[in-house]
PDB file of N, CA and C in Angstrom:
ATOM      1  N   MET A   1       2.637  -4.007  -2.154  1.00  0.00           N
ATOM      2  CA  MET A   1       3.738  -3.117  -1.852  1.00  0.00           C
ATOM      3  C   MET A   1       3.808  -2.015  -2.906  1.00  0.00           C
ATOM      4  N   ALA A   2       3.889  -0.789  -2.471  1.00  0.00           N
ATOM      5  CA  ALA A   2       3.943   0.353  -3.383  1.00  0.00           C
ATOM      6  C   ALA A   2       5.356   0.498  -3.953  1.00  0.00           C
ATOM      7  N   THR A   3       5.421   0.777  -5.223  1.00  0.00           N
ATOM      8  CA  THR A   3       6.697   0.976  -5.889  1.00  0.00           C
ATOM      9  C   THR A   3       7.084   2.443  -5.785  1.00  0.00           C
ATOM     10  N   LYS A   4       8.318   2.702  -5.420  1.00  0.00           N
ATOM     11  CA  LYS A   4       8.806   4.075  -5.365  1.00  0.00           C
ATOM     12  C   LYS A   4       9.593   4.328  -6.638  1.00  0.00           C
ATOM     13  N   ILE A   5       9.337   5.471  -7.276  1.00  0.00           N
ATOM     14  CA  ILE A   5      10.045   5.813  -8.501  1.00  0.00           C
ATOM     15  C   ILE A   5      10.695   7.177  -8.314  1.00  0.00           C
ATOM     16  N   GLN A   6      11.954   7.271  -8.709  1.00  0.00           N
ATOM     17  CA  GLN A   6      12.723   8.516  -8.610  1.00  0.00           C
ATOM     18  C   GLN A   6      13.160   8.913 -10.016  1.00  0.00           C
ATOM     19  N   PRO A   7      12.561   9.978 -10.583  1.00  0.00           N
ATOM     20  CA  PRO A   7      13.020  10.427 -11.890  1.00  0.00           C
ATOM     21  C   PRO A   7      14.488  10.863 -11.816  1.00  0.00           C
ATOM     22  N   LEU A   8      15.194  10.742 -12.919  1.00  0.00           N
ATOM     23  CA  LEU A   8      16.598  11.142 -12.972  1.00  0.00           C
ATOM     24  C   LEU A   8      16.745  12.471 -13.698  1.00  0.00           C
ATOM     25  N   GLY A   9      17.779  13.205 -13.327  1.00  0.00           N
ATOM     26  CA  GLY A   9      18.061  14.486 -13.983  1.00  0.00           C
ATOM     27  C   GLY A   9      16.948  15.491 -13.764  1.00  0.00           C
ATOM     28  N   PRO A  10      16.738  16.383 -14.746  1.00  0.00           N
ATOM     29  CA  PRO A  10      15.748  17.450 -14.586  1.00  0.00           C
ATOM     30  C   PRO A  10      14.337  17.001 -14.964  1.00  0.00           C
ATOM     31  N   ARG A  11      13.960  15.801 -14.557  1.00  0.00           N
ATOM     32  CA  ARG A  11      12.641  15.273 -14.895  1.00  0.00           C
ATOM     33  C   ARG A  11      11.730  15.308 -13.676  1.00  0.00           C
ATOM     34  N   VAL A  12      10.430  15.334 -13.957  1.00  0.00           N
ATOM     35  CA  VAL A  12       9.418  15.446 -12.918  1.00  0.00           C
ATOM     36  C   VAL A  12       8.352  14.379 -13.171  1.00  0.00           C
ATOM     37  N   LEU A  13       7.939  13.673 -12.123  1.00  0.00           N
ATOM     38  CA  LEU A  13       6.862  12.697 -12.212  1.00  0.00           C
ATOM     39  C   LEU A  13       5.563  13.405 -11.859  1.00  0.00           C
ATOM     40  N   VAL A  14       4.577  13.337 -12.764  1.00  0.00           N
ATOM     41  CA  VAL A  14       3.300  14.011 -12.536  1.00  0.00           C
ATOM     42  C   VAL A  14       2.148  13.044 -12.763  1.00  0.00           C
ATOM     43  N   LYS A  15       1.004  13.385 -12.184  1.00  0.00           N
ATOM     44  CA  LYS A  15      -0.232  12.638 -12.404  1.00  0.00           C
ATOM     45  C   LYS A  15      -1.209  13.600 -13.060  1.00  0.00           C
ATOM     46  N   ARG A  16      -1.716  13.207 -14.227  1.00  0.00           N
ATOM     47  CA  ARG A  16      -2.699  14.048 -14.908  1.00  0.00           C
ATOM     48  C   ARG A  16      -3.960  14.161 -14.051  1.00  0.00           C
ATOM     49  N   LEU A  17      -4.542  15.362 -14.043  1.00  0.00           N
ATOM     50  CA  LEU A  17      -5.792  15.580 -13.322  1.00  0.00           C
ATOM     51  C   LEU A  17      -6.938  15.312 -14.279  1.00  0.00           C
ATOM     52  N   ASP A  18      -7.960  14.604 -13.809  1.00  0.00           N
ATOM     53  CA  ASP A  18      -9.092  14.242 -14.654  1.00  0.00           C
ATOM     54  C   ASP A  18      -9.876  15.470 -15.079  1.00  0.00           C
ATOM     55  N   GLU A  19     -10.287  15.459 -16.350  1.00  0.00           N
ATOM     56  CA  GLU A  19     -11.162  16.507 -16.844  1.00  0.00           C
ATOM     57  C   GLU A  19     -12.599  16.099 -16.583  1.00  0.00           C
ATOM     58  N   GLU A  20     -13.492  17.067 -16.664  1.00  0.00           N
ATOM     59  CA  GLU A  20     -14.901  16.765 -16.495  1.00  0.00           C
ATOM     60  C   GLU A  20     -15.365  15.858 -17.625  1.00  0.00           C
ATOM     61  N   GLU A  21     -16.253  14.929 -17.281  1.00  0.00           N
ATOM     62  CA  GLU A  21     -16.746  13.991 -18.276  1.00  0.00           C
ATOM     63  C   GLU A  21     -18.010  14.477 -18.959  1.00  0.00           C
ATOM     64  N   GLU A  22     -18.514  15.635 -18.549  1.00  0.00           N
ATOM     65  CA  GLU A  22     -19.749  16.153 -19.116  1.00  0.00           C
ATOM     66  C   GLU A  22     -19.485  17.566 -19.619  1.00  0.00           C
ATOM     67  N   SER A  23     -20.008  17.886 -20.789  1.00  0.00           N
ATOM     68  CA  SER A  23     -19.818  19.223 -21.340  1.00  0.00           C
ATOM     69  C   SER A  23     -20.742  20.203 -20.619  1.00  0.00           C
ATOM     70  N   SER A  24     -20.570  21.488 -20.882  1.00  0.00           N
ATOM     71  CA  SER A  24     -21.401  22.488 -20.231  1.00  0.00           C
ATOM     72  C   SER A  24     -22.868  22.356 -20.646  1.00  0.00           C
ATOM     73  N   GLY A  25     -23.139  21.763 -21.807  1.00  0.00           N
ATOM     74  CA  GLY A  25     -24.506  21.550 -22.266  1.00  0.00           C
ATOM     75  C   GLY A  25     -25.111  20.269 -21.748  1.00  0.00           C
ATOM     76  N   GLY A  26     -24.376  19.503 -20.934  1.00  0.00           N
ATOM     77  CA  GLY A  26     -24.884  18.279 -20.355  1.00  0.00           C
ATOM     78  C   GLY A  26     -24.592  17.039 -21.172  1.00  0.00           C
ATOM     79  N   ILE A  27     -23.832  17.172 -22.247  1.00  0.00           N
ATOM     80  CA  ILE A  27     -23.498  16.020 -23.086  1.00  0.00           C
ATOM     81  C   ILE A  27     -22.330  15.273 -22.462  1.00  0.00           C
ATOM     82  N   ILE A  28     -22.468  13.968 -22.319  1.00  0.00           N
ATOM     83  CA  ILE A  28     -21.386  13.148 -21.758  1.00  0.00           C
ATOM     84  C   ILE A  28     -20.415  12.804 -22.882  1.00  0.00           C
ATOM     85  N   ILE A  29     -19.135  13.072 -22.647  1.00  0.00           N
ATOM     86  CA  ILE A  29     -18.108  12.861 -23.656  1.00  0.00           C
ATOM     87  C   ILE A  29     -17.465  11.493 -23.447  1.00  0.00           C
ATOM     88  N   PRO A  30     -17.480  10.619 -24.471  1.00  0.00           N
ATOM     89  CA  PRO A  30     -16.855   9.298 -24.314  1.00  0.00           C
ATOM     90  C   PRO A  30     -15.332   9.417 -24.233  1.00  0.00           C
ATOM     91  N   ASP A  31     -14.699   8.421 -23.589  1.00  0.00           N
ATOM     92  CA  ASP A  31     -13.243   8.423 -23.423  1.00  0.00           C
ATOM     93  C   ASP A  31     -12.507   8.540 -24.746  1.00  0.00           C
ATOM     94  N   SER A  32     -13.026   7.915 -25.800  1.00  0.00           N
ATOM     95  CA  SER A  32     -12.348   7.928 -27.097  1.00  0.00           C
ATOM     96  C   SER A  32     -12.303   9.318 -27.726  1.00  0.00           C
ATOM     97  N   ALA A  33     -13.182  10.207 -27.304  1.00  0.00           N
ATOM     98  CA  ALA A  33     -13.224  11.552 -27.883  1.00  0.00           C
ATOM     99  C   ALA A  33     -12.502  12.585 -27.025  1.00  0.00           C
ATOM    100  N   LYS A  34     -12.034  12.189 -25.862  1.00  0.00           N
ATOM    101  CA  LYS A  34     -11.384  13.137 -24.952  1.00  0.00           C
ATOM    102  C   LYS A  34      -9.926  13.335 -25.322  1.00  0.00           C
ATOM    103  N   GLU A  35      -9.454  14.546 -25.099  1.00  0.00           N
ATOM    104  CA  GLU A  35      -8.027  14.813 -25.207  1.00  0.00           C
ATOM    105  C   GLU A  35      -7.409  14.560 -23.842  1.00  0.00           C
ATOM    106  N   LYS A  36      -6.123  14.269 -23.830  1.00  0.00           N
ATOM    107  CA  LYS A  36      -5.442  14.083 -22.553  1.00  0.00           C
ATOM    108  C   LYS A  36      -5.410  15.431 -21.836  1.00  0.00           C
ATOM    109  N   PRO A  37      -5.696  15.417 -20.545  1.00  0.00           N
ATOM    110  CA  PRO A  37      -5.676  16.683 -19.804  1.00  0.00           C
ATOM    111  C   PRO A  37      -4.262  17.253 -19.733  1.00  0.00           C
ATOM    112  N   GLN A  38      -4.173  18.573 -19.743  1.00  0.00           N
ATOM    113  CA  GLN A  38      -2.876  19.231 -19.640  1.00  0.00           C
ATOM    114  C   GLN A  38      -2.571  19.657 -18.217  1.00  0.00           C
ATOM    115  N   GLU A  39      -3.551  19.568 -17.322  1.00  0.00           N
ATOM    116  CA  GLU A  39      -3.311  19.892 -15.927  1.00  0.00           C
ATOM    117  C   GLU A  39      -2.840  18.640 -15.204  1.00  0.00           C
ATOM    118  N   ALA A  40      -1.852  18.819 -14.319  1.00  0.00           N
ATOM    119  CA  ALA A  40      -1.284  17.680 -13.603  1.00  0.00           C
ATOM    120  C   ALA A  40      -0.825  18.119 -12.219  1.00  0.00           C
ATOM    121  N   GLU A  41      -0.596  17.122 -11.367  1.00  0.00           N
ATOM    122  CA  GLU A  41      -0.056  17.374 -10.031  1.00  0.00           C
ATOM    123  C   GLU A  41       1.324  16.748  -9.948  1.00  0.00           C
ATOM    124  N   VAL A  42       2.284  17.494  -9.399  1.00  0.00           N
ATOM    125  CA  VAL A  42       3.655  17.003  -9.256  1.00  0.00           C
ATOM    126  C   VAL A  42       3.688  15.954  -8.146  1.00  0.00           C
ATOM    127  N   ILE A  43       4.206  14.762  -8.481  1.00  0.00           N
ATOM    128  CA  ILE A  43       4.315  13.659  -7.524  1.00  0.00           C
ATOM    129  C   ILE A  43       5.723  13.603  -6.930  1.00  0.00           C
ATOM    130  N   SER A  44       6.755  13.684  -7.785  1.00  0.00           N
ATOM    131  CA  SER A  44       8.133  13.699  -7.283  1.00  0.00           C
ATOM    132  C   SER A  44       9.057  14.378  -8.280  1.00  0.00           C
ATOM    133  N   LEU A  45      10.178  14.841  -7.763  1.00  0.00           N
ATOM    134  CA  LEU A  45      11.170  15.558  -8.568  1.00  0.00           C
ATOM    135  C   LEU A  45      12.370  14.661  -8.829  1.00  0.00           C
ATOM    136  N   GLY A  46      13.057  14.925  -9.937  1.00  0.00           N
ATOM    137  CA  GLY A  46      14.245  14.174 -10.293  1.00  0.00           C
ATOM    138  C   GLY A  46      15.444  14.557  -9.447  1.00  0.00           C
ATOM    139  N   THR A  47      16.586  14.085  -9.874  1.00  0.00           N
ATOM    140  CA  THR A  47      17.818  14.329  -9.134  1.00  0.00           C
ATOM    141  C   THR A  47      18.407  15.696  -9.445  1.00  0.00           C
ATOM    142  N   GLY A  48      17.866  16.402 -10.421  1.00  0.00           N
ATOM    143  CA  GLY A  48      18.314  17.754 -10.756  1.00  0.00           C
ATOM    144  C   GLY A  48      19.256  17.780 -11.930  1.00  0.00           C
ATOM    145  N   GLY A  49      19.504  18.965 -12.416  1.00  0.00           N
ATOM    146  CA  GLY A  49      20.385  19.132 -13.559  1.00  0.00           C
ATOM    147  C   GLY A  49      21.571  20.014 -13.209  1.00  0.00           C
ATOM    148  N   LYS A  50      22.473  20.123 -14.153  1.00  0.00           N
ATOM    149  CA  LYS A  50      23.660  20.973 -13.987  1.00  0.00           C
ATOM    150  C   LYS A  50      23.739  21.917 -15.183  1.00  0.00           C
ATOM    151  N   ASP A  51      24.240  23.131 -14.947  1.00  0.00           N
ATOM    152  CA  ASP A  51      24.463  24.049 -16.057  1.00  0.00           C
ATOM    153  C   ASP A  51      25.835  23.777 -16.674  1.00  0.00           C
ATOM    154  N   GLU A  52      26.213  24.575 -17.666  1.00  0.00           N
ATOM    155  CA  GLU A  52      27.483  24.331 -18.368  1.00  0.00           C
ATOM    156  C   GLU A  52      28.716  24.515 -17.483  1.00  0.00           C
ATOM    157  N   ASN A  53      28.559  25.192 -16.329  1.00  0.00           N
ATOM    158  CA  ASN A  53      29.675  25.378 -15.401  1.00  0.00           C
ATOM    159  C   ASN A  53      29.687  24.320 -14.288  1.00  0.00           C
ATOM    160  N   GLY A  54      28.729  23.370 -14.343  1.00  0.00           N
ATOM    161  CA  GLY A  54      28.679  22.326 -13.326  1.00  0.00           C
ATOM    162  C   GLY A  54      27.900  22.699 -12.076  1.00  0.00           C
ATOM    163  N   ASN A  55      27.260  23.869 -12.081  1.00  0.00           N
ATOM    164  CA  ASN A  55      26.460  24.304 -10.932  1.00  0.00           C
ATOM    165  C   ASN A  55      25.089  23.645 -10.970  1.00  0.00           C
ATOM    166  N   ASP A  56      24.544  23.330  -9.792  1.00  0.00           N
ATOM    167  CA  ASP A  56      23.211  22.738  -9.714  1.00  0.00           C
ATOM    168  C   ASP A  56      22.155  23.723 -10.207  1.00  0.00           C
ATOM    169  N   ILE A  57      21.163  23.197 -10.898  1.00  0.00           N
ATOM    170  CA  ILE A  57      20.021  24.005 -11.331  1.00  0.00           C
ATOM    171  C   ILE A  57      18.842  23.612 -10.443  1.00  0.00           C
ATOM    172  N   ALA A  58      18.280  24.576  -9.732  1.00  0.00           N
ATOM    173  CA  ALA A  58      17.174  24.298  -8.811  1.00  0.00           C
ATOM    174  C   ALA A  58      15.869  24.117  -9.592  1.00  0.00           C
ATOM    175  N   PHE A  59      15.014  23.229  -9.105  1.00  0.00           N
ATOM    176  CA  PHE A  59      13.689  23.050  -9.694  1.00  0.00           C
ATOM    177  C   PHE A  59      12.827  24.264  -9.381  1.00  0.00           C
ATOM    178  N   THR A  60      11.956  24.623 -10.309  1.00  0.00           N
ATOM    179  CA  THR A  60      11.041  25.747 -10.082  1.00  0.00           C
ATOM    180  C   THR A  60       9.673  25.274  -9.613  1.00  0.00           C
ATOM    181  N   VAL A  61       9.477  23.952  -9.550  1.00  0.00           N
ATOM    182  CA  VAL A  61       8.229  23.384  -9.035  1.00  0.00           C
ATOM    183  C   VAL A  61       8.555  22.547  -7.814  1.00  0.00           C
ATOM    184  N   LYS A  62       7.525  22.212  -7.055  1.00  0.00           N
ATOM    185  CA  LYS A  62       7.716  21.359  -5.876  1.00  0.00           C
ATOM    186  C   LYS A  62       6.584  20.341  -5.817  1.00  0.00           C
ATOM    187  N   LYS A  63       6.732  19.343  -4.969  1.00  0.00           N
ATOM    188  CA  LYS A  63       5.699  18.321  -4.812  1.00  0.00           C
ATOM    189  C   LYS A  63       4.354  18.965  -4.524  1.00  0.00           C
ATOM    190  N   LYS A  64       3.308  18.369  -5.077  1.00  0.00           N
ATOM    191  CA  LYS A  64       1.909  18.773  -4.891  1.00  0.00           C
ATOM    192  C   LYS A  64       1.531  20.042  -5.638  1.00  0.00           C
ATOM    193  N   ASP A  65       2.458  20.653  -6.380  1.00  0.00           N
ATOM    194  CA  ASP A  65       2.097  21.798  -7.219  1.00  0.00           C
ATOM    195  C   ASP A  65       1.152  21.323  -8.313  1.00  0.00           C
ATOM    196  N   LYS A  66       0.184  22.147  -8.660  1.00  0.00           N
ATOM    197  CA  LYS A  66      -0.671  21.903  -9.824  1.00  0.00           C
ATOM    198  C   LYS A  66      -0.019  22.640 -10.982  1.00  0.00           C
ATOM    199  N   VAL A  67       0.219  21.936 -12.082  1.00  0.00           N
ATOM    200  CA  VAL A  67       0.958  22.515 -13.200  1.00  0.00           C
ATOM    201  C   VAL A  67       0.219  22.290 -14.514  1.00  0.00           C
ATOM    202  N   LEU A  68       0.609  23.064 -15.504  1.00  0.00           N
ATOM    203  CA  LEU A  68       0.117  22.921 -16.869  1.00  0.00           C
ATOM    204  C   LEU A  68       1.272  22.358 -17.685  1.00  0.00           C
ATOM    205  N   ILE A  69       1.046  21.186 -18.298  1.00  0.00           N
ATOM    206  CA  ILE A  69       2.120  20.537 -19.049  1.00  0.00           C
ATOM    207  C   ILE A  69       1.848  20.619 -20.542  1.00  0.00           C
ATOM    208  N   SER A  70       2.910  20.485 -21.328  1.00  0.00           N
ATOM    209  CA  SER A  70       2.748  20.516 -22.766  1.00  0.00           C
ATOM    210  C   SER A  70       1.944  19.314 -23.224  1.00  0.00           C
ATOM    211  N   LYS A  71       1.169  19.528 -24.260  1.00  0.00           N
ATOM    212  CA  LYS A  71       0.197  18.535 -24.710  1.00  0.00           C
ATOM    213  C   LYS A  71       0.835  17.207 -25.100  1.00  0.00           C
ATOM    214  N   TYR A  72       1.952  17.249 -25.795  1.00  0.00           N
ATOM    215  CA  TYR A  72       2.552  16.009 -26.290  1.00  0.00           C
ATOM    216  C   TYR A  72       3.885  15.680 -25.628  1.00  0.00           C
ATOM    217  N   GLY A  73       4.206  16.341 -24.527  1.00  0.00           N
ATOM    218  CA  GLY A  73       5.481  16.098 -23.862  1.00  0.00           C
ATOM    219  C   GLY A  73       5.399  14.926 -22.908  1.00  0.00           C
ATOM    220  N   GLY A  74       6.539  14.375 -22.570  1.00  0.00           N
ATOM    221  CA  GLY A  74       6.631  13.363 -21.534  1.00  0.00           C
ATOM    222  C   GLY A  74       6.469  11.941 -22.006  1.00  0.00           C
ATOM    223  N   THR A  75       6.653  11.031 -21.054  1.00  0.00           N
ATOM    224  CA  THR A  75       6.549   9.596 -21.294  1.00  0.00           C
ATOM    225  C   THR A  75       5.531   9.019 -20.318  1.00  0.00           C
ATOM    226  N   ASP A  76       4.507   8.352 -20.858  1.00  0.00           N
ATOM    227  CA  ASP A  76       3.495   7.715 -20.015  1.00  0.00           C
ATOM    228  C   ASP A  76       4.080   6.481 -19.354  1.00  0.00           C
ATOM    229  N   VAL A  77       3.817   6.319 -18.059  1.00  0.00           N
ATOM    230  CA  VAL A  77       4.234   5.129 -17.325  1.00  0.00           C
ATOM    231  C   VAL A  77       3.069   4.664 -16.455  1.00  0.00           C
ATOM    232  N   LYS A  78       3.018   3.368 -16.179  1.00  0.00           N
ATOM    233  CA  LYS A  78       1.986   2.823 -15.300  1.00  0.00           C
ATOM    234  C   LYS A  78       2.694   2.176 -14.121  1.00  0.00           C
ATOM    235  N   ILE A  79       2.418   2.695 -12.924  1.00  0.00           N
ATOM    236  CA  ILE A  79       3.072   2.212 -11.712  1.00  0.00           C
ATOM    237  C   ILE A  79       1.997   1.874 -10.687  1.00  0.00           C
ATOM    238  N   ASP A  80       2.009   0.632 -10.227  1.00  0.00           N
ATOM    239  CA  ASP A  80       1.012   0.160  -9.254  1.00  0.00           C
ATOM    240  C   ASP A  80      -0.410   0.463  -9.716  1.00  0.00           C
ATOM    241  N   GLY A  81      -0.664   0.318 -11.020  1.00  0.00           N
ATOM    242  CA  GLY A  81      -1.999   0.537 -11.576  1.00  0.00           C
ATOM    243  C   GLY A  81      -2.364   1.987 -11.800  1.00  0.00           C
ATOM    244  N   LYS A  82      -1.455   2.910 -11.517  1.00  0.00           N
ATOM    245  CA  LYS A  82      -1.729   4.345 -11.697  1.00  0.00           C
ATOM    246  C   LYS A  82      -1.062   4.835 -12.968  1.00  0.00           C
ATOM    247  N   GLU A  83      -1.795   5.629 -13.742  1.00  0.00           N
ATOM    248  CA  GLU A  83      -1.256   6.233 -14.958  1.00  0.00           C
ATOM    249  C   GLU A  83      -0.515   7.515 -14.568  1.00  0.00           C
ATOM    250  N   LEU A  84       0.789   7.541 -14.793  1.00  0.00           N
ATOM    251  CA  LEU A  84       1.611   8.698 -14.466  1.00  0.00           C
ATOM    252  C   LEU A  84       2.371   9.128 -15.707  1.00  0.00           C
ATOM    253  N   LEU A  85       3.069  10.240 -15.600  1.00  0.00           N
ATOM    254  CA  LEU A  85       3.805  10.798 -16.721  1.00  0.00           C
ATOM    255  C   LEU A  85       5.124  11.356 -16.211  1.00  0.00           C
ATOM    256  N   ILE A  86       6.211  11.046 -16.919  1.00  0.00           N
ATOM    257  CA  ILE A  86       7.510  11.638 -16.591  1.00  0.00           C
ATOM    258  C   ILE A  86       7.793  12.688 -17.650  1.00  0.00           C
ATOM    259  N   VAL A  87       7.976  13.945 -17.210  1.00  0.00           N
ATOM    260  CA  VAL A  87       8.232  15.047 -18.132  1.00  0.00           C
ATOM    261  C   VAL A  87       9.522  15.749 -17.750  1.00  0.00           C
ATOM    262  N   ASN A  88      10.170  16.335 -18.739  1.00  0.00           N
ATOM    263  CA  ASN A  88      11.286  17.232 -18.440  1.00  0.00           C
ATOM    264  C   ASN A  88      10.700  18.497 -17.840  1.00  0.00           C
ATOM    265  N   GLU A  89      11.432  19.126 -16.962  1.00  0.00           N
ATOM    266  CA  GLU A  89      10.906  20.339 -16.337  1.00  0.00           C
ATOM    267  C   GLU A  89      10.594  21.405 -17.388  1.00  0.00           C
ATOM    268  N   VAL A  90      11.308  21.407 -18.496  1.00  0.00           N
ATOM    269  CA  VAL A  90      11.034  22.407 -19.543  1.00  0.00           C
ATOM    270  C   VAL A  90       9.690  22.174 -20.219  1.00  0.00           C
ATOM    271  N   ASP A  91       9.099  20.969 -20.059  1.00  0.00           N
ATOM    272  CA  ASP A  91       7.774  20.684 -20.609  1.00  0.00           C
ATOM    273  C   ASP A  91       6.648  21.155 -19.681  1.00  0.00           C
ATOM    274  N   ILE A  92       7.008  21.683 -18.510  1.00  0.00           N
ATOM    275  CA  ILE A  92       6.027  22.269 -17.608  1.00  0.00           C
ATOM    276  C   ILE A  92       5.905  23.736 -17.988  1.00  0.00           C
ATOM    277  N   LEU A  93       4.689  24.114 -18.413  1.00  0.00           N
ATOM    278  CA  LEU A  93       4.477  25.449 -18.953  1.00  0.00           C
ATOM    279  C   LEU A  93       4.160  26.490 -17.893  1.00  0.00           C
ATOM    280  N   ALA A  94       3.481  26.066 -16.804  1.00  0.00           N
ATOM    281  CA  ALA A  94       3.075  27.021 -15.781  1.00  0.00           C
ATOM    282  C   ALA A  94       2.687  26.286 -14.507  1.00  0.00           C
ATOM    283  N   VAL A  95       2.760  27.002 -13.393  1.00  0.00           N
ATOM    284  CA  VAL A  95       2.226  26.521 -12.121  1.00  0.00           C
ATOM    285  C   VAL A  95       0.862  27.171 -11.971  1.00  0.00           C
ATOM    286  N   ILE A  96      -0.137  26.353 -11.642  1.00  0.00           N
ATOM    287  CA  ILE A  96      -1.501  26.861 -11.484  1.00  0.00           C
ATOM    288  C   ILE A  96      -1.699  27.190 -10.015  1.00  0.00           C
ATOM    289  N   GLY A  97      -1.998  28.423  -9.729  1.00  0.00           N
ATOM    290  CA  GLY A  97      -2.117  28.850  -8.335  1.00  0.00           C
ATOM    291  C   GLY A  97      -3.484  29.057  -7.957  1.00  0.00           C
TER     292      GLY A  97
END
């Protein structure tokens, strides 16, 4: 049975996109030497945030968007064997088009 997860507040659930395992020169890079990829795909959106006047703040990303996330932002979670990340929307740096 698949677990459904709903981030709370202005948080976004993303899945990191795999980087290439081979360098341009043909050298295979071991997992221990790789940096975590900064590109990710949006899986689900949180419940949203409010501004100081109590008005809803709309998300600027949507499901399935490819995004660039901050290198050290977010919290790693493992759900149904999948490595995912929960980030605040402010930790999303750009949408990749």
